[in-house]
């Protein structure tokens, strides 16, 4: 993902992921897990990753990523466009769209 960010210009960085520290953020008296954190100052990006991973099957062995782009996709009431090229760079080759595959090839050629 870091390479896709460099190629597309949507710069990203890895975050600390410590699920064992954040389970208590999702405690609920009526559900297995609530869909928000108890403390919004407590590593919300990492907590969001935990929320996603907790909904994967225990025997899931595939890779997954969480791109926390909620605060970067808007500026006031206008969209910034952040993340569009990053997602195309990450997943365009997996698409059925020849255009998206072409864009991914352009990025790969630019990198080389």
Protein backbone atom coordinates (compact mmCIF):
# COMPACT_ATOMS: atom_id res chain seq x y z
CA UNK A 1 0.00 0.00 0.00
CA UNK A 2 2.89 2.36 0.70
CA UNK A 3 4.15 1.89 -2.88
CA UNK A 4 0.67 2.52 -4.29
CA UNK A 5 0.51 5.72 -2.23
CA UNK A 6 3.84 6.93 -3.58
CA UNK A 7 2.89 6.15 -7.17
CA UNK A 8 -0.57 7.71 -7.01
CA UNK A 9 0.32 10.70 -4.85
CA UNK A 10 -2.13 9.73 -2.11
CA UNK A 11 0.52 9.40 0.56
CA UNK A 12 -0.17 6.93 3.35
CA UNK A 13 1.65 5.64 6.40
CA UNK A 14 1.29 2.56 8.60
CA UNK A 15 -0.32 2.91 12.01
CA UNK A 16 0.20 0.98 15.20
CA UNK A 17 -2.22 -1.92 15.44
CA UNK A 18 -2.58 -3.33 18.96
CA UNK A 19 -5.99 -5.01 19.12
CA UNK A 20 -5.35 -6.34 22.61
CA UNK A 21 -5.33 -2.75 23.90
CA UNK A 22 -8.61 -1.70 22.31
CA UNK A 23 -11.20 -4.43 22.88
CA UNK A 24 -12.65 -2.52 25.84
CA UNK A 25 -13.43 0.42 23.53
CA UNK A 26 -16.28 -1.60 22.00
CA UNK A 27 -17.93 -2.89 25.20
CA UNK A 28 -21.71 -2.92 25.01
CA UNK A 29 -24.43 -3.98 27.44
CA UNK A 30 -26.78 -5.00 24.61
CA UNK A 31 -24.54 -6.32 21.83
CA UNK A 32 -21.38 -8.31 21.24
CA UNK A 33 -19.70 -5.12 20.15
CA UNK A 34 -20.84 -1.54 19.62
CA UNK A 35 -20.06 0.32 16.41
CA UNK A 36 -18.19 3.24 18.01
CA UNK A 37 -15.38 3.72 20.45
CA UNK A 38 -15.80 4.79 24.06
CA UNK A 39 -12.99 7.35 23.87
CA UNK A 40 -12.46 9.24 20.60
CA UNK A 41 -8.93 10.19 21.71
CA UNK A 42 -7.86 6.55 21.93
CA UNK A 43 -6.26 5.54 18.62
CA UNK A 44 -9.47 5.55 16.60
CA UNK A 45 -7.67 4.37 13.41
CA UNK A 46 -6.37 1.30 15.20
CA UNK A 47 -9.79 0.75 16.79
CA UNK A 48 -11.44 0.88 13.37
CA UNK A 49 -9.03 -1.80 12.16
CA UNK A 50 -9.96 -3.93 15.16
CA UNK A 51 -13.66 -3.47 14.40
CA UNK A 52 -13.11 -4.69 10.84
CA UNK A 53 -10.93 -7.63 11.83
CA UNK A 54 -13.43 -8.75 14.47
CA UNK A 55 -15.97 -9.31 11.70
CA UNK A 56 -13.72 -11.62 9.70
CA UNK A 57 -14.09 -15.34 10.19
CA UNK A 58 -11.70 -16.83 12.74
CA UNK A 59 -10.34 -19.14 10.07
CA UNK A 60 -9.83 -16.30 7.53
CA UNK A 61 -6.22 -16.49 6.37
CA UNK A 62 -6.23 -13.80 3.69
CA UNK A 63 -4.73 -10.36 3.83
CA UNK A 64 -6.80 -7.26 4.59
CA UNK A 65 -6.14 -3.55 5.01
CA UNK A 66 -7.95 -0.66 6.62
CA UNK A 67 -7.55 2.70 4.92
CA UNK A 68 -8.78 5.30 7.38
CA UNK A 69 -9.69 8.14 5.05
CA UNK A 70 -12.77 9.58 6.74
CA UNK A 71 -11.16 12.86 7.81
CA UNK A 72 -9.20 13.40 4.58
CA UNK A 73 -11.94 12.95 1.98
CA UNK A 74 -13.67 16.25 2.71
CA UNK A 75 -12.73 19.85 3.27
CA UNK A 76 -15.73 21.70 4.57
CA UNK A 77 -18.62 20.68 2.36
CA UNK A 78 -16.41 19.82 -0.61
CA UNK A 79 -14.81 16.49 -1.48
CA UNK A 80 -11.01 16.35 -1.74
CA UNK A 81 -10.83 13.25 -3.92
CA UNK A 82 -8.32 11.65 -1.56
CA UNK A 83 -8.23 7.90 -1.83
CA UNK A 84 -9.65 7.48 -5.32
CA UNK A 85 -6.29 7.11 -7.04
CA UNK A 86 -4.94 5.09 -4.10
CA UNK A 87 -7.72 2.53 -4.44
CA UNK A 88 -7.28 2.39 -8.21
CA UNK A 89 -3.56 1.88 -7.70
CA UNK A 90 -4.18 -0.90 -5.20
CA UNK A 91 -6.99 -2.74 -6.91
CA UNK A 92 -7.18 -1.59 -10.54
CA UNK A 93 -5.42 -4.69 -11.85
CA UNK A 94 -8.07 -6.85 -10.19
CA UNK A 95 -10.84 -5.00 -12.03
CA UNK A 96 -12.61 -6.08 -15.19
CA UNK A 97 -12.08 -2.56 -16.51
CA UNK A 98 -9.41 -2.24 -19.18
CA UNK A 99 -9.11 1.45 -18.35
CA UNK A 100 -8.29 0.81 -14.68
CA UNK A 101 -5.76 -1.85 -15.68
CA UNK A 102 -4.19 0.65 -18.09
CA UNK A 103 -3.88 3.28 -15.35
CA UNK A 104 -2.17 0.72 -13.11
CA UNK A 105 0.29 -0.11 -15.87
CA UNK A 106 1.08 3.59 -16.29
CA UNK A 107 1.88 3.84 -12.59
CA UNK A 108 4.07 0.74 -12.76
CA UNK A 109 5.95 2.14 -15.78
CA UNK A 110 6.44 5.45 -13.98
CA UNK A 111 7.93 3.65 -10.98
CA UNK A 112 10.44 1.75 -13.14
